[in-house]
Structures are given as C-alpha cells and as structure tokens.
Amino acid sequence: MQAKILKVVRQGEAFSVQSAKAESGTIQKCNIVLREMGGGKFENEFVCAMLGNLAACRFYEGDVVAATLRFSTHEYQNQVFQEILATDVVKISNVKI
C-alpha cells in the first residue's frame, strides 16, 4: 500500500455491487479519480474504487486529500487487470489548489 497526498479530479456516484464478504451480499462502491500534486494536468492520475462506508463520502474537484492506495492485479479469461483500491481517504484542505 502507498499513502499519498493527492488532488481530487472527480468522483462518481455510489452504486451497489455483489460481495461475498458482505452480510447483505452487496456493498456500496464508488469510483474516484485522484491526481498527484505538481505542475498541473499532466501529473499521474489514479482511477480508484472506494468501498463500503468510504463510498458514501463525498469529495469535490480540487479537494486535497491524503489517501492510502492498494494496487493489485487479477487475471480473468487470460487477461490481466490492475485495480486500485482507495482504502482510506481523508480531506486535508479546504483550499482549492
């Protein structure tokens, strides 16, 4: 896992997905795009999933956050996919940068 200081680019709406780990059989999921701090729009960006209670949190474009990201891969039908899970996201600034 990596902890990073990032800027929110955009966040989608939360939706339900099936989960074998959840008691109800479903869990909330939300996608968020985070950008590394630096020189502008050409910095590295990460499209991350937020799950459970974190998916209900709302972040806005320009918010500066501290986020812990977990990078993983999985194989499906002979193709390899990378996933980035934001396991913790905390807003650290009210100032838009």
N, C-alpha and C. Protein backbone atom coordinates (compact mmCIF):
# COMPACT_ATOMS: atom_id res chain seq x y z
N MET A 1 0.83 -1.18 0.00
CA MET A 1 0.00 0.00 0.00
C MET A 1 0.87 1.24 0.00
N GLN A 2 0.33 2.30 -0.57
CA GLN A 2 1.03 3.57 -0.60
C GLN A 2 0.13 4.66 -0.05
N ALA A 3 0.68 5.55 0.77
CA ALA A 3 -0.05 6.73 1.22
C ALA A 3 0.46 7.91 0.41
N LYS A 4 -0.46 8.71 -0.10
CA LYS A 4 -0.09 9.83 -0.96
C LYS A 4 -0.95 11.04 -0.65
N ILE A 5 -0.41 12.22 -0.95
CA ILE A 5 -1.18 13.46 -0.94
C ILE A 5 -1.60 13.70 -2.39
N LEU A 6 -2.90 13.80 -2.62
CA LEU A 6 -3.45 13.87 -3.97
C LEU A 6 -4.54 14.92 -4.07
N LYS A 7 -4.87 15.28 -5.30
CA LYS A 7 -5.96 16.22 -5.54
C LYS A 7 -7.09 15.47 -6.24
N VAL A 8 -8.33 15.73 -5.82
CA VAL A 8 -9.50 15.08 -6.42
C VAL A 8 -9.77 15.72 -7.78
N VAL A 9 -9.89 14.88 -8.81
CA VAL A 9 -10.25 15.33 -10.15
C VAL A 9 -11.77 15.23 -10.32
N ARG A 10 -12.33 14.08 -9.96
CA ARG A 10 -13.78 13.88 -10.00
C ARG A 10 -14.13 12.61 -9.24
N GLN A 11 -15.41 12.51 -8.89
CA GLN A 11 -15.91 11.34 -8.17
C GLN A 11 -17.27 10.98 -8.75
N GLY A 12 -17.49 9.71 -8.97
CA GLY A 12 -18.78 9.24 -9.47
C GLY A 12 -19.75 8.98 -8.32
N GLU A 13 -20.96 8.60 -8.67
CA GLU A 13 -21.98 8.28 -7.69
C GLU A 13 -21.77 6.86 -7.17
N ALA A 14 -22.17 6.64 -5.94
CA ALA A 14 -22.08 5.31 -5.33
C ALA A 14 -23.16 4.40 -5.92
N PHE A 15 -22.81 3.11 -6.05
CA PHE A 15 -23.76 2.11 -6.54
C PHE A 15 -23.48 0.79 -5.83
N SER A 16 -24.44 -0.12 -5.86
CA SER A 16 -24.31 -1.41 -5.18
C SER A 16 -23.68 -2.45 -6.10
N VAL A 17 -22.78 -3.25 -5.53
CA VAL A 17 -22.20 -4.38 -6.25
C VAL A 17 -22.29 -5.62 -5.38
N GLN A 18 -22.28 -6.78 -5.99
CA GLN A 18 -22.32 -8.02 -5.23
C GLN A 18 -21.01 -8.25 -4.51
N SER A 19 -21.10 -8.76 -3.28
CA SER A 19 -19.91 -9.05 -2.50
C SER A 19 -20.15 -10.27 -1.63
N ALA A 20 -19.26 -11.26 -1.77
CA ALA A 20 -19.36 -12.46 -0.95
C ALA A 20 -18.97 -12.17 0.50
N LYS A 21 -18.22 -11.08 0.72
CA LYS A 21 -17.74 -10.73 2.06
C LYS A 21 -18.77 -9.97 2.88
N ALA A 22 -19.75 -9.33 2.24
CA ALA A 22 -20.74 -8.53 2.96
C ALA A 22 -21.89 -9.41 3.43
N GLU A 23 -22.42 -9.11 4.62
CA GLU A 23 -23.53 -9.89 5.17
C GLU A 23 -24.76 -9.84 4.27
N SER A 24 -25.04 -8.67 3.72
CA SER A 24 -26.23 -8.49 2.89
C SER A 24 -26.03 -9.03 1.47
N GLY A 25 -24.78 -9.35 1.10
CA GLY A 25 -24.50 -9.84 -0.23
C GLY A 25 -24.16 -8.74 -1.22
N THR A 26 -24.33 -7.47 -0.78
CA THR A 26 -23.96 -6.34 -1.63
C THR A 26 -23.15 -5.33 -0.81
N ILE A 27 -22.42 -4.50 -1.51
CA ILE A 27 -21.62 -3.46 -0.87
C ILE A 27 -21.66 -2.23 -1.78
N GLN A 28 -21.55 -1.05 -1.19
CA GLN A 28 -21.51 0.18 -1.96
C GLN A 28 -20.12 0.36 -2.57
N LYS A 29 -20.09 0.86 -3.80
CA LYS A 29 -18.84 1.12 -4.49
C LYS A 29 -18.93 2.47 -5.19
N CYS A 30 -17.84 3.18 -5.22
CA CYS A 30 -17.78 4.48 -5.87
C CYS A 30 -16.40 4.61 -6.49
N ASN A 31 -16.34 5.20 -7.69
CA ASN A 31 -15.06 5.44 -8.34
C ASN A 31 -14.66 6.90 -8.15
N ILE A 32 -13.36 7.11 -7.95
CA ILE A 32 -12.82 8.45 -7.76
C ILE A 32 -11.53 8.56 -8.56
N VAL A 33 -11.31 9.71 -9.16
CA VAL A 33 -10.07 9.97 -9.90
C VAL A 33 -9.24 10.95 -9.08
N LEU A 34 -8.00 10.53 -8.77
CA LEU A 34 -7.09 11.32 -7.95
C LEU A 34 -5.83 11.63 -8.76
N ARG A 35 -5.30 12.86 -8.59
CA ARG A 35 -4.11 13.29 -9.33
C ARG A 35 -3.00 13.67 -8.36
N GLU A 36 -1.78 13.27 -8.70
CA GLU A 36 -0.63 13.66 -7.88
C GLU A 36 -0.46 15.17 -7.93
N MET A 37 0.08 15.72 -6.85
CA MET A 37 0.34 17.15 -6.78
C MET A 37 1.55 17.47 -7.66
N GLY A 38 1.56 18.68 -8.20
CA GLY A 38 2.71 19.06 -9.01
C GLY A 38 2.34 20.14 -10.01
N GLY A 39 2.88 19.98 -11.21
CA GLY A 39 2.83 21.02 -12.21
C GLY A 39 1.53 21.21 -12.95
N GLY A 40 0.53 20.41 -12.74
CA GLY A 40 -0.72 20.65 -13.44
C GLY A 40 -1.41 19.38 -13.91
N LYS A 41 -2.09 19.51 -15.05
CA LYS A 41 -2.96 18.42 -15.50
C LYS A 41 -2.21 17.22 -16.07
N PHE A 42 -0.88 17.30 -16.18
CA PHE A 42 -0.13 16.19 -16.75
C PHE A 42 0.52 15.30 -15.69
N GLU A 43 0.17 15.51 -14.42
CA GLU A 43 0.67 14.64 -13.36
C GLU A 43 -0.04 13.29 -13.44
N ASN A 44 0.54 12.28 -12.77
CA ASN A 44 -0.07 10.95 -12.75
C ASN A 44 -1.45 11.01 -12.13
N GLU A 45 -2.38 10.27 -12.73
CA GLU A 45 -3.73 10.15 -12.20
C GLU A 45 -4.03 8.69 -11.90
N PHE A 46 -4.88 8.48 -10.90
CA PHE A 46 -5.27 7.14 -10.48
C PHE A 46 -6.79 7.05 -10.46
N VAL A 47 -7.35 6.06 -11.12
CA VAL A 47 -8.78 5.79 -11.05
C VAL A 47 -8.94 4.71 -9.99
N CYS A 48 -9.57 5.08 -8.88
CA CYS A 48 -9.63 4.20 -7.72
C CYS A 48 -11.07 3.84 -7.39
N ALA A 49 -11.24 2.70 -6.75
CA ALA A 49 -12.53 2.30 -6.21
C ALA A 49 -12.52 2.58 -4.71
N MET A 50 -13.64 3.05 -4.20
CA MET A 50 -13.85 3.18 -2.75
C MET A 50 -15.03 2.28 -2.42
N LEU A 51 -14.91 1.50 -1.35
CA LEU A 51 -15.94 0.52 -1.00
C LEU A 51 -16.55 0.81 0.37
N GLY A 52 -17.77 0.29 0.56
CA GLY A 52 -18.43 0.36 1.87
C GLY A 52 -18.75 1.78 2.29
N ASN A 53 -18.48 2.09 3.58
CA ASN A 53 -18.77 3.40 4.13
C ASN A 53 -18.00 4.51 3.42
N LEU A 54 -16.79 4.20 2.96
CA LEU A 54 -15.99 5.20 2.26
C LEU A 54 -16.66 5.64 0.96
N ALA A 55 -17.41 4.73 0.32
CA ALA A 55 -18.10 5.07 -0.92
C ALA A 55 -19.18 6.13 -0.71
N ALA A 56 -19.67 6.25 0.51
CA ALA A 56 -20.71 7.24 0.81
C ALA A 56 -20.12 8.63 1.06
N CYS A 57 -18.81 8.72 1.26
CA CYS A 57 -18.16 10.01 1.49
C CYS A 57 -18.11 10.79 0.18
N ARG A 58 -18.28 12.09 0.28
CA ARG A 58 -18.30 12.92 -0.93
C ARG A 58 -17.10 13.85 -0.93
N PHE A 59 -16.32 13.79 -2.02
CA PHE A 59 -15.19 14.68 -2.23
C PHE A 59 -15.46 15.46 -3.51
N TYR A 60 -14.89 16.64 -3.60
CA TYR A 60 -15.18 17.53 -4.72
C TYR A 60 -13.92 17.89 -5.48
N GLU A 61 -14.07 18.26 -6.74
CA GLU A 61 -12.96 18.64 -7.59
C GLU A 61 -12.10 19.69 -6.89
N GLY A 62 -10.81 19.44 -6.84
CA GLY A 62 -9.87 20.37 -6.22
C GLY A 62 -9.59 20.09 -4.76
N ASP A 63 -10.39 19.24 -4.10
CA ASP A 63 -10.10 18.88 -2.71
C ASP A 63 -8.72 18.23 -2.63
N VAL A 64 -7.94 18.60 -1.63
CA VAL A 64 -6.65 17.96 -1.39
C VAL A 64 -6.88 16.91 -0.32
N VAL A 65 -6.46 15.67 -0.61
CA VAL A 65 -6.72 14.55 0.29
C VAL A 65 -5.44 13.75 0.55
N ALA A 66 -5.42 13.09 1.68
CA ALA A 66 -4.41 12.06 1.95
C ALA A 66 -5.13 10.74 1.70
N ALA A 67 -4.55 9.90 0.86
CA ALA A 67 -5.20 8.64 0.50
C ALA A 67 -4.22 7.49 0.59
N THR A 68 -4.72 6.37 1.06
CA THR A 68 -3.96 5.13 1.06
C THR A 68 -4.48 4.28 -0.08
N LEU A 69 -3.59 3.94 -1.01
CA LEU A 69 -3.98 3.20 -2.20
C LEU A 69 -3.37 1.80 -2.17
N ARG A 70 -4.21 0.81 -2.50
CA ARG A 70 -3.73 -0.57 -2.59
C ARG A 70 -3.80 -1.00 -4.05
N PHE A 71 -2.65 -1.32 -4.61
CA PHE A 71 -2.55 -1.73 -6.01
C PHE A 71 -2.57 -3.25 -6.07
N SER A 72 -3.38 -3.80 -6.97
CA SER A 72 -3.42 -5.25 -7.13
C SER A 72 -3.73 -5.59 -8.58
N THR A 73 -3.49 -6.83 -8.94
CA THR A 73 -3.83 -7.32 -10.28
C THR A 73 -4.61 -8.62 -10.14
N HIS A 74 -5.40 -8.92 -11.14
CA HIS A 74 -6.06 -10.22 -11.21
C HIS A 74 -6.17 -10.63 -12.67
N GLU A 75 -6.26 -11.93 -12.87
CA GLU A 75 -6.36 -12.46 -14.23
C GLU A 75 -7.77 -12.98 -14.45
N TYR A 76 -8.32 -12.67 -15.62
CA TYR A 76 -9.65 -13.13 -15.99
C TYR A 76 -9.64 -13.42 -17.49
N GLN A 77 -9.97 -14.63 -17.85
CA GLN A 77 -10.01 -15.08 -19.25
C GLN A 77 -8.71 -14.72 -19.99
N ASN A 78 -7.60 -15.08 -19.38
CA ASN A 78 -6.26 -14.89 -19.93
C ASN A 78 -5.87 -13.42 -20.14
N GLN A 79 -6.55 -12.50 -19.46
CA GLN A 79 -6.16 -11.10 -19.49
C GLN A 79 -5.87 -10.66 -18.06
N VAL A 80 -4.89 -9.76 -17.92
CA VAL A 80 -4.51 -9.27 -16.60
C VAL A 80 -5.04 -7.85 -16.43
N PHE A 81 -5.67 -7.60 -15.30
CA PHE A 81 -6.26 -6.30 -15.00
C PHE A 81 -5.63 -5.75 -13.72
N GLN A 82 -5.40 -4.44 -13.70
CA GLN A 82 -4.91 -3.79 -12.49
C GLN A 82 -6.06 -3.08 -11.81
N GLU A 83 -6.11 -3.17 -10.50
CA GLU A 83 -7.12 -2.48 -9.71
C GLU A 83 -6.42 -1.61 -8.69
N ILE A 84 -7.02 -0.46 -8.41
CA ILE A 84 -6.52 0.42 -7.36
C ILE A 84 -7.67 0.66 -6.40
N LEU A 85 -7.48 0.26 -5.16
CA LEU A 85 -8.49 0.44 -4.13
C LEU A 85 -8.03 1.52 -3.17
N ALA A 86 -8.84 2.55 -3.01
CA ALA A 86 -8.56 3.58 -2.01
C ALA A 86 -9.12 3.07 -0.69
N THR A 87 -8.24 2.68 0.22
CA THR A 87 -8.70 2.09 1.48
C THR A 87 -8.96 3.13 2.54
N ASP A 88 -8.42 4.33 2.37
CA ASP A 88 -8.65 5.42 3.31
C ASP A 88 -8.44 6.72 2.56
N VAL A 89 -9.37 7.65 2.66
CA VAL A 89 -9.26 8.96 2.02
C VAL A 89 -9.71 9.99 3.05
N VAL A 90 -8.84 10.96 3.34
CA VAL A 90 -9.13 11.99 4.32
C VAL A 90 -8.86 13.34 3.70
N LYS A 91 -9.85 14.22 3.73
CA LYS A 91 -9.67 15.59 3.20
C LYS A 91 -8.74 16.34 4.16
N ILE A 92 -7.71 16.99 3.60
CA ILE A 92 -6.76 17.68 4.46
C ILE A 92 -6.73 19.18 4.22
N SER A 93 -7.55 19.66 3.26
CA SER A 93 -7.51 21.09 2.97
C SER A 93 -8.85 21.57 2.44
N ASN A 94 -9.26 22.74 2.88
CA ASN A 94 -10.45 23.38 2.33
C ASN A 94 -10.08 24.31 1.19
N VAL A 95 -8.79 24.47 0.96
CA VAL A 95 -8.30 25.37 -0.07
C VAL A 95 -8.21 24.63 -1.40
N LYS A 96 -8.78 25.19 -2.45
CA LYS A 96 -8.68 24.60 -3.78
C LYS A 96 -7.35 25.01 -4.38
N ILE A 97 -6.58 24.03 -4.84
CA ILE A 97 -5.26 24.31 -5.42
C ILE A 97 -5.33 24.08 -6.91
